[in-house]
Amino acid sequence: YQYLPFEVYARSDFRSTVGKAYKWSSLLRKEQDRLDIIAAGGMVDDTDIGETLKETDSSDRLKLKNGIALWQKDLEEYGANQGFTIR
């Protein structure tokens, strides 16, 4: 691993791209698991995960793969704007 010359920006942008996607993906997976248990006839505790998913802003609904791609795009753009050669 090599630190980026704009590491502070990269870490901050990570939270707003990949971080949001990770949070959304985790909530979605938990709700899917809960629904699978119910569909199989199992019992689960009541949870508000479904409501939390419904209330999530649509811009925060990113799959992890999309969050990583967005982060990469943002870093490439930021680096180029700062005068760095992006490969």
PDB file of N, CA and C in Angstrom:
ATOM      1  N   TYR A   1       0.839  -1.178   0.000  1.00  0.00           N
ATOM      2  CA  TYR A   1       0.000   0.000   0.000  1.00  0.00           C
ATOM      3  C   TYR A   1       0.878   1.233   0.000  1.00  0.00           C
ATOM      4  N   GLN A   2       0.488   2.214  -0.783  1.00  0.00           N
ATOM      5  CA  GLN A   2       1.207   3.479  -0.811  1.00  0.00           C
ATOM      6  C   GLN A   2       0.202   4.592  -0.548  1.00  0.00           C
ATOM      7  N   TYR A   3       0.561   5.495   0.343  1.00  0.00           N
ATOM      8  CA  TYR A   3      -0.340   6.598   0.659  1.00  0.00           C
ATOM      9  C   TYR A   3      -0.495   7.514  -0.539  1.00  0.00           C
ATOM     10  N   LEU A   4      -1.701   7.979  -0.719  1.00  0.00           N
ATOM     11  CA  LEU A   4      -1.965   8.954  -1.769  1.00  0.00           C
ATOM     12  C   LEU A   4      -1.510  10.333  -1.307  1.00  0.00           C
ATOM     13  N   PRO A   5      -1.091  11.188  -2.225  1.00  0.00           N
ATOM     14  CA  PRO A   5      -0.737  12.555  -1.823  1.00  0.00           C
ATOM     15  C   PRO A   5      -1.947  13.313  -1.256  1.00  0.00           C
ATOM     16  N   PHE A   6      -3.129  12.817  -1.545  1.00  0.00           N
ATOM     17  CA  PHE A   6      -4.361  13.441  -1.033  1.00  0.00           C
ATOM     18  C   PHE A   6      -5.132  12.427  -0.180  1.00  0.00           C
ATOM     19  N   GLU A   7      -4.385  11.761   0.706  1.00  0.00           N
ATOM     20  CA  GLU A   7      -4.935  10.689   1.550  1.00  0.00           C
ATOM     21  C   GLU A   7      -6.107  11.153   2.418  1.00  0.00           C
ATOM     22  N   VAL A   8      -6.000  12.345   2.979  1.00  0.00           N
ATOM     23  CA  VAL A   8      -7.066  12.852   3.849  1.00  0.00           C
ATOM     24  C   VAL A   8      -8.372  12.954   3.063  1.00  0.00           C
ATOM     25  N   TYR A   9      -8.294  13.481   1.852  1.00  0.00           N
ATOM     26  CA  TYR A   9      -9.492  13.567   1.015  1.00  0.00           C
ATOM     27  C   TYR A   9     -10.012  12.166   0.690  1.00  0.00           C
ATOM     28  N   ALA A  10      -9.117  11.255   0.359  1.00  0.00           N
ATOM     29  CA  ALA A  10      -9.523   9.896  -0.023  1.00  0.00           C
ATOM     30  C   ALA A  10     -10.283   9.212   1.106  1.00  0.00           C
ATOM     31  N   ARG A  11      -9.802   9.374   2.326  1.00  0.00           N
ATOM     32  CA  ARG A  11     -10.477   8.745   3.473  1.00  0.00           C
ATOM     33  C   ARG A  11     -11.836   9.383   3.732  1.00  0.00           C
ATOM     34  N   SER A  12     -11.903  10.681   3.590  1.00  0.00           N
ATOM     35  CA  SER A  12     -13.176  11.377   3.784  1.00  0.00           C
ATOM     36  C   SER A  12     -14.180  10.953   2.719  1.00  0.00           C
ATOM     37  N   ASP A  13     -13.716  10.879   1.482  1.00  0.00           N
ATOM     38  CA  ASP A  13     -14.594  10.485   0.380  1.00  0.00           C
ATOM     39  C   ASP A  13     -15.015   9.023   0.510  1.00  0.00           C
ATOM     40  N   PHE A  14     -14.164   8.191   1.093  1.00  0.00           N
ATOM     41  CA  PHE A  14     -14.495   6.785   1.320  1.00  0.00           C
ATOM     42  C   PHE A  14     -15.760   6.682   2.166  1.00  0.00           C
ATOM     43  N   ARG A  15     -15.822   7.480   3.223  1.00  0.00           N
ATOM     44  CA  ARG A  15     -16.991   7.444   4.110  1.00  0.00           C
ATOM     45  C   ARG A  15     -18.266   7.832   3.370  1.00  0.00           C
ATOM     46  N   SER A  16     -18.161   8.773   2.455  1.00  0.00           N
ATOM     47  CA  SER A  16     -19.372   9.245   1.776  1.00  0.00           C
ATOM     48  C   SER A  16     -19.741   8.419   0.545  1.00  0.00           C
ATOM     49  N   THR A  17     -18.897   7.488   0.145  1.00  0.00           N
ATOM     50  CA  THR A  17     -19.220   6.638  -1.011  1.00  0.00           C
ATOM     51  C   THR A  17     -19.316   5.174  -0.579  1.00  0.00           C
ATOM     52  N   VAL A  18     -18.190   4.567  -0.301  1.00  0.00           N
ATOM     53  CA  VAL A  18     -18.171   3.155   0.093  1.00  0.00           C
ATOM     54  C   VAL A  18     -18.849   2.958   1.452  1.00  0.00           C
ATOM     55  N   GLY A  19     -18.651   3.897   2.354  1.00  0.00           N
ATOM     56  CA  GLY A  19     -19.268   3.792   3.677  1.00  0.00           C
ATOM     57  C   GLY A  19     -20.784   3.731   3.610  1.00  0.00           C
ATOM     58  N   LYS A  20     -21.378   4.600   2.795  1.00  0.00           N
ATOM     59  CA  LYS A  20     -22.836   4.580   2.617  1.00  0.00           C
ATOM     60  C   LYS A  20     -23.285   3.263   1.997  1.00  0.00           C
ATOM     61  N   ALA A  21     -22.536   2.813   1.003  1.00  0.00           N
ATOM     62  CA  ALA A  21     -22.897   1.560   0.330  1.00  0.00           C
ATOM     63  C   ALA A  21     -22.807   0.384   1.297  1.00  0.00           C
ATOM     64  N   TYR A  22     -21.784   0.377   2.137  1.00  0.00           N
ATOM     65  CA  TYR A  22     -21.623  -0.712   3.104  1.00  0.00           C
ATOM     66  C   TYR A  22     -22.779  -0.724   4.097  1.00  0.00           C
ATOM     67  N   LYS A  23     -23.137   0.440   4.581  1.00  0.00           N
ATOM     68  CA  LYS A  23     -24.243   0.537   5.540  1.00  0.00           C
ATOM     69  C   LYS A  23     -25.538   0.039   4.900  1.00  0.00           C
ATOM     70  N   TRP A  24     -25.825   0.496   3.688  1.00  0.00           N
ATOM     71  CA  TRP A  24     -27.039   0.086   2.978  1.00  0.00           C
ATOM     72  C   TRP A  24     -27.029  -1.414   2.714  1.00  0.00           C
ATOM     73  N   SER A  25     -25.905  -1.936   2.224  1.00  0.00           N
ATOM     74  CA  SER A  25     -25.804  -3.368   1.920  1.00  0.00           C
ATOM     75  C   SER A  25     -25.991  -4.222   3.168  1.00  0.00           C
ATOM     76  N   SER A  26     -25.437  -3.768   4.289  1.00  0.00           N
ATOM     77  CA  SER A  26     -25.575  -4.515   5.544  1.00  0.00           C
ATOM     78  C   SER A  26     -27.024  -4.569   6.002  1.00  0.00           C
ATOM     79  N   LEU A  27     -27.710  -3.429   5.941  1.00  0.00           N
ATOM     80  CA  LEU A  27     -29.125  -3.395   6.324  1.00  0.00           C
ATOM     81  C   LEU A  27     -29.961  -4.278   5.405  1.00  0.00           C
ATOM     82  N   LEU A  28     -29.682  -4.193   4.110  1.00  0.00           N
ATOM     83  CA  LEU A  28     -30.437  -4.982   3.139  1.00  0.00           C
ATOM     84  C   LEU A  28     -30.233  -6.475   3.382  1.00  0.00           C
ATOM     85  N   ARG A  29     -28.998  -6.892   3.640  1.00  0.00           N
ATOM     86  CA  ARG A  29     -28.698  -8.301   3.894  1.00  0.00           C
ATOM     87  C   ARG A  29     -29.421  -8.786   5.157  1.00  0.00           C
ATOM     88  N   LYS A  30     -29.421  -7.979   6.210  1.00  0.00           N
ATOM     89  CA  LYS A  30     -30.108  -8.363   7.451  1.00  0.00           C
ATOM     90  C   LYS A  30     -31.603  -8.539   7.214  1.00  0.00           C
ATOM     91  N   GLU A  31     -32.188  -7.641   6.443  1.00  0.00           N
ATOM     92  CA  GLU A  31     -33.626  -7.746   6.164  1.00  0.00           C
ATOM     93  C   GLU A  31     -33.916  -8.966   5.293  1.00  0.00           C
ATOM     94  N   GLN A  32     -33.061  -9.242   4.310  1.00  0.00           N
ATOM     95  CA  GLN A  32     -33.256 -10.419   3.466  1.00  0.00           C
ATOM     96  C   GLN A  32     -33.150 -11.702   4.291  1.00  0.00           C
ATOM     97  N   ASP A  33     -32.184 -11.747   5.193  1.00  0.00           N
ATOM     98  CA  ASP A  33     -32.042 -12.922   6.068  1.00  0.00           C
ATOM     99  C   ASP A  33     -33.286 -13.104   6.934  1.00  0.00           C
ATOM    100  N   ARG A  34     -33.794 -12.009   7.476  1.00  0.00           N
ATOM    101  CA  ARG A  34     -34.990 -12.058   8.324  1.00  0.00           C
ATOM    102  C   ARG A  34     -36.187 -12.578   7.530  1.00  0.00           C
ATOM    103  N   LEU A  35     -36.354 -12.083   6.310  1.00  0.00           N
ATOM    104  CA  LEU A  35     -37.473 -12.519   5.470  1.00  0.00           C
ATOM    105  C   LEU A  35     -37.330 -13.983   5.056  1.00  0.00           C
ATOM    106  N   ASP A  36     -36.104 -14.435   4.826  1.00  0.00           N
ATOM    107  CA  ASP A  36     -35.870 -15.846   4.491  1.00  0.00           C
ATOM    108  C   ASP A  36     -36.277 -16.761   5.642  1.00  0.00           C
ATOM    109  N   ILE A  37     -35.966 -16.350   6.862  1.00  0.00           N
ATOM    110  CA  ILE A  37     -36.349 -17.142   8.042  1.00  0.00           C
ATOM    111  C   ILE A  37     -37.867 -17.217   8.156  1.00  0.00           C
ATOM    112  N   ILE A  38     -38.533 -16.091   7.952  1.00  0.00           N
ATOM    113  CA  ILE A  38     -39.996 -16.054   8.017  1.00  0.00           C
ATOM    114  C   ILE A  38     -40.595 -16.942   6.929  1.00  0.00           C
ATOM    115  N   ALA A  39     -40.048 -16.855   5.704  1.00  0.00           N
ATOM    116  CA  ALA A  39     -40.563 -17.651   4.586  1.00  0.00           C
ATOM    117  C   ALA A  39     -40.403 -19.149   4.842  1.00  0.00           C
ATOM    118  N   ALA A  40     -39.373 -19.512   5.593  1.00  0.00           N
ATOM    119  CA  ALA A  40     -39.137 -20.923   5.908  1.00  0.00           C
ATOM    120  C   ALA A  40     -39.951 -21.378   7.118  1.00  0.00           C
ATOM    121  N   GLY A  41     -40.792 -20.493   7.634  1.00  0.00           N
ATOM    122  CA  GLY A  41     -41.649 -20.846   8.764  1.00  0.00           C
ATOM    123  C   GLY A  41     -41.028 -20.588  10.119  1.00  0.00           C
ATOM    124  N   GLY A  42     -39.905 -19.917  10.119  1.00  0.00           N
ATOM    125  CA  GLY A  42     -39.227 -19.627  11.386  1.00  0.00           C
ATOM    126  C   GLY A  42     -39.781 -18.383  12.058  1.00  0.00           C
ATOM    127  N   MET A  43     -39.385 -18.203  13.282  1.00  0.00           N
ATOM    128  CA  MET A  43     -39.804 -17.040  14.061  1.00  0.00           C
ATOM    129  C   MET A  43     -38.617 -16.085  14.203  1.00  0.00           C
ATOM    130  N   VAL A  44     -38.903 -14.804  14.122  1.00  0.00           N
ATOM    131  CA  VAL A  44     -37.875 -13.780  14.326  1.00  0.00           C
ATOM    132  C   VAL A  44     -38.435 -12.696  15.231  1.00  0.00           C
ATOM    133  N   ASP A  45     -37.543 -12.009  15.892  1.00  0.00           N
ATOM    134  CA  ASP A  45     -37.964 -10.864  16.687  1.00  0.00           C
ATOM    135  C   ASP A  45     -38.417  -9.760  15.744  1.00  0.00           C
ATOM    136  N   ASP A  46     -39.379  -8.984  16.180  1.00  0.00           N
ATOM    137  CA  ASP A  46     -39.773  -7.825  15.388  1.00  0.00           C
ATOM    138  C   ASP A  46     -38.585  -6.883  15.303  1.00  0.00           C
ATOM    139  N   THR A  47     -38.418  -6.298  14.161  1.00  0.00           N
ATOM    140  CA  THR A  47     -37.299  -5.394  13.948  1.00  0.00           C
ATOM    141  C   THR A  47     -37.750  -4.258  13.054  1.00  0.00           C
ATOM    142  N   ASP A  48     -37.075  -3.160  13.140  1.00  0.00           N
ATOM    143  CA  ASP A  48     -37.425  -2.011  12.312  1.00  0.00           C
ATOM    144  C   ASP A  48     -36.484  -1.853  11.119  1.00  0.00           C
ATOM    145  N   ILE A  49     -35.758  -2.927  10.781  1.00  0.00           N
ATOM    146  CA  ILE A  49     -34.832  -2.843   9.648  1.00  0.00           C
ATOM    147  C   ILE A  49     -35.581  -2.478   8.371  1.00  0.00           C
ATOM    148  N   GLY A  50     -36.726  -3.116   8.136  1.00  0.00           N
ATOM    149  CA  GLY A  50     -37.504  -2.815   6.936  1.00  0.00           C
ATOM    150  C   GLY A  50     -37.889  -1.354   6.860  1.00  0.00           C
ATOM    151  N   GLU A  51     -38.310  -0.792   7.985  1.00  0.00           N
ATOM    152  CA  GLU A  51     -38.664   0.631   8.022  1.00  0.00           C
ATOM    153  C   GLU A  51     -37.440   1.501   7.775  1.00  0.00           C
ATOM    154  N   THR A  52     -36.307   1.109   8.349  1.00  0.00           N
ATOM    155  CA  THR A  52     -35.073   1.864   8.145  1.00  0.00           C
ATOM    156  C   THR A  52     -34.697   1.860   6.670  1.00  0.00           C
ATOM    157  N   LEU A  53     -34.852   0.718   6.014  1.00  0.00           N
ATOM    158  CA  LEU A  53     -34.556   0.635   4.580  1.00  0.00           C
ATOM    159  C   LEU A  53     -35.476   1.544   3.780  1.00  0.00           C
ATOM    160  N   LYS A  54     -36.765   1.542   4.121  1.00  0.00           N
ATOM    161  CA  LYS A  54     -37.733   2.384   3.404  1.00  0.00           C
ATOM    162  C   LYS A  54     -37.416   3.863   3.561  1.00  0.00           C
ATOM    163  N   GLU A  55     -36.917   4.228   4.735  1.00  0.00           N
ATOM    164  CA  GLU A  55     -36.659   5.635   5.029  1.00  0.00           C
ATOM    165  C   GLU A  55     -35.297   6.110   4.532  1.00  0.00           C
ATOM    166  N   THR A  56     -34.479   5.198   4.026  1.00  0.00           N
ATOM    167  CA  THR A  56     -33.154   5.567   3.542  1.00  0.00           C
ATOM    168  C   THR A  56     -33.284   6.392   2.272  1.00  0.00           C
ATOM    169  N   ASP A  57     -32.559   7.501   2.229  1.00  0.00           N
ATOM    170  CA  ASP A  57     -32.560   8.359   1.053  1.00  0.00           C
ATOM    171  C   ASP A  57     -32.091   7.558  -0.160  1.00  0.00           C
ATOM    172  N   SER A  58     -32.718   7.769  -1.292  1.00  0.00           N
ATOM    173  CA  SER A  58     -32.394   6.964  -2.479  1.00  0.00           C
ATOM    174  C   SER A  58     -30.935   7.125  -2.905  1.00  0.00           C
ATOM    175  N   SER A  59     -30.317   8.273  -2.632  1.00  0.00           N
ATOM    176  CA  SER A  59     -28.910   8.455  -3.006  1.00  0.00           C
ATOM    177  C   SER A  59     -27.980   7.609  -2.139  1.00  0.00           C
ATOM    178  N   ASP A  60     -28.474   7.113  -1.003  1.00  0.00           N
ATOM    179  CA  ASP A  60     -27.680   6.256  -0.123  1.00  0.00           C
ATOM    180  C   ASP A  60     -27.846   4.777  -0.456  1.00  0.00           C
ATOM    181  N   ARG A  61     -28.709   4.451  -1.398  1.00  0.00           N
ATOM    182  CA  ARG A  61     -28.988   3.051  -1.736  1.00  0.00           C
ATOM    183  C   ARG A  61     -28.025   2.568  -2.815  1.00  0.00           C
ATOM    184  N   LEU A  62     -26.818   2.269  -2.398  1.00  0.00           N
ATOM    185  CA  LEU A  62     -25.779   1.830  -3.320  1.00  0.00           C
ATOM    186  C   LEU A  62     -25.325   0.430  -2.961  1.00  0.00           C
ATOM    187  N   LYS A  63     -25.143  -0.397  -3.977  1.00  0.00           N
ATOM    188  CA  LYS A  63     -24.503  -1.687  -3.746  1.00  0.00           C
ATOM    189  C   LYS A  63     -23.026  -1.413  -3.490  1.00  0.00           C
ATOM    190  N   LEU A  64     -22.393  -2.295  -2.760  1.00  0.00           N
ATOM    191  CA  LEU A  64     -20.995  -2.098  -2.397  1.00  0.00           C
ATOM    192  C   LEU A  64     -20.110  -1.915  -3.635  1.00  0.00           C
ATOM    193  N   LYS A  65     -20.345  -2.720  -4.654  1.00  0.00           N
ATOM    194  CA  LYS A  65     -19.569  -2.620  -5.896  1.00  0.00           C
ATOM    195  C   LYS A  65     -19.707  -1.222  -6.502  1.00  0.00           C
ATOM    196  N   ASN A  66     -20.912  -0.680  -6.482  1.00  0.00           N
ATOM    197  CA  ASN A  66     -21.152   0.656  -7.035  1.00  0.00           C
ATOM    198  C   ASN A  66     -20.489   1.728  -6.173  1.00  0.00           C
ATOM    199  N   GLY A  67     -20.492   1.527  -4.846  1.00  0.00           N
ATOM    200  CA  GLY A  67     -19.839   2.476  -3.952  1.00  0.00           C
ATOM    201  C   GLY A  67     -18.342   2.546  -4.195  1.00  0.00           C
ATOM    202  N   ILE A  68     -17.725   1.391  -4.419  1.00  0.00           N
ATOM    203  CA  ILE A  68     -16.285   1.351  -4.700  1.00  0.00           C
ATOM    204  C   ILE A  68     -15.989   2.019  -6.038  1.00  0.00           C
ATOM    205  N   ALA A  69     -16.809   1.755  -7.039  1.00  0.00           N
ATOM    206  CA  ALA A  69     -16.617   2.381  -8.353  1.00  0.00           C
ATOM    207  C   ALA A  69     -16.772   3.902  -8.257  1.00  0.00           C
ATOM    208  N   LEU A  70     -17.740   4.362  -7.484  1.00  0.00           N
ATOM    209  CA  LEU A  70     -17.949   5.797  -7.301  1.00  0.00           C
ATOM    210  C   LEU A  70     -16.752   6.424  -6.587  1.00  0.00           C
ATOM    211  N   TRP A  71     -16.215   5.735  -5.584  1.00  0.00           N
ATOM    212  CA  TRP A  71     -15.041   6.226  -4.860  1.00  0.00           C
ATOM    213  C   TRP A  71     -13.848   6.354  -5.806  1.00  0.00           C
ATOM    214  N   GLN A  72     -13.627   5.330  -6.625  1.00  0.00           N
ATOM    215  CA  GLN A  72     -12.516   5.368  -7.574  1.00  0.00           C
ATOM    216  C   GLN A  72     -12.677   6.539  -8.537  1.00  0.00           C
ATOM    217  N   LYS A  73     -13.873   6.715  -9.057  1.00  0.00           N
ATOM    218  CA  LYS A  73     -14.138   7.813  -9.994  1.00  0.00           C
ATOM    219  C   LYS A  73     -13.877   9.163  -9.330  1.00  0.00           C
ATOM    220  N   ASP A  74     -14.363   9.326  -8.103  1.00  0.00           N
ATOM    221  CA  ASP A  74     -14.154  10.579  -7.375  1.00  0.00           C
ATOM    222  C   ASP A  74     -12.671  10.855  -7.150  1.00  0.00           C
ATOM    223  N   LEU A  75     -11.907   9.815  -6.773  1.00  0.00           N
ATOM    224  CA  LEU A  75     -10.480  10.004  -6.516  1.00  0.00           C
ATOM    225  C   LEU A  75      -9.720  10.337  -7.793  1.00  0.00           C
ATOM    226  N   GLU A  76     -10.074   9.687  -8.883  1.00  0.00           N
ATOM    227  CA  GLU A  76      -9.421   9.988 -10.160  1.00  0.00           C
ATOM    228  C   GLU A  76      -9.682  11.435 -10.566  1.00  0.00           C
ATOM    229  N   GLU A  77     -10.917  11.862 -10.410  1.00  0.00           N
ATOM    230  CA  GLU A  77     -11.285  13.236 -10.764  1.00  0.00           C
ATOM    231  C   GLU A  77     -10.585  14.240  -9.844  1.00  0.00           C
ATOM    232  N   TYR A  78     -10.598  13.970  -8.550  1.00  0.00           N
ATOM    233  CA  TYR A  78      -9.960  14.870  -7.589  1.00  0.00           C
ATOM    234  C   TYR A  78      -8.459  14.967  -7.859  1.00  0.00           C
ATOM    235  N   GLY A  79      -7.809  13.817  -8.054  1.00  0.00           N
ATOM    236  CA  GLY A  79      -6.371  13.810  -8.316  1.00  0.00           C
ATOM    237  C   GLY A  79      -6.013  14.586  -9.569  1.00  0.00           C
ATOM    238  N   ALA A  80      -6.771  14.383 -10.633  1.00  0.00           N
ATOM    239  CA  ALA A  80      -6.522  15.108 -11.882  1.00  0.00           C
ATOM    240  C   ALA A  80      -6.709  16.612 -11.678  1.00  0.00           C
ATOM    241  N   ASN A  81      -7.747  16.989 -10.941  1.00  0.00           N
ATOM    242  CA  ASN A  81      -7.998  18.411 -10.678  1.00  0.00           C
ATOM    243  C   ASN A  81      -6.896  19.041  -9.828  1.00  0.00           C
ATOM    244  N   GLN A  82      -6.204  18.227  -9.029  1.00  0.00           N
ATOM    245  CA  GLN A  82      -5.106  18.723  -8.192  1.00  0.00           C
ATOM    246  C   GLN A  82      -3.766  18.699  -8.935  1.00  0.00           C
ATOM    247  N   GLY A  83      -3.778  18.243 -10.194  1.00  0.00           N
ATOM    248  CA  GLY A  83      -2.572  18.256 -11.014  1.00  0.00           C
ATOM    249  C   GLY A  83      -1.761  16.970 -10.992  1.00  0.00           C
ATOM    250  N   PHE A  84      -2.301  15.914 -10.417  1.00  0.00           N
ATOM    251  CA  PHE A  84      -1.593  14.635 -10.383  1.00  0.00           C
ATOM    252  C   PHE A  84      -1.884  13.839 -11.651  1.00  0.00           C
ATOM    253  N   THR A  85      -0.911  13.031 -12.063  1.00  0.00           N
ATOM    254  CA  THR A  85      -1.104  12.130 -13.192  1.00  0.00           C
ATOM    255  C   THR A  85      -1.781  10.871 -12.666  1.00  0.00           C
ATOM    256  N   ILE A  86      -2.910  10.545 -13.237  1.00  0.00           N
ATOM    257  CA  ILE A  86      -3.687   9.388 -12.795  1.00  0.00           C
ATOM    258  C   ILE A  86      -3.492   8.259 -13.797  1.00  0.00           C
ATOM    259  N   ARG A  87      -3.070   7.087 -13.302  1.00  0.00           N
ATOM    260  CA  ARG A  87      -2.878   5.933 -14.185  1.00  0.00           C
ATOM    261  C   ARG A  87      -3.889   4.878 -13.868  1.00  0.00           C
TER     262      ARG A  87
END
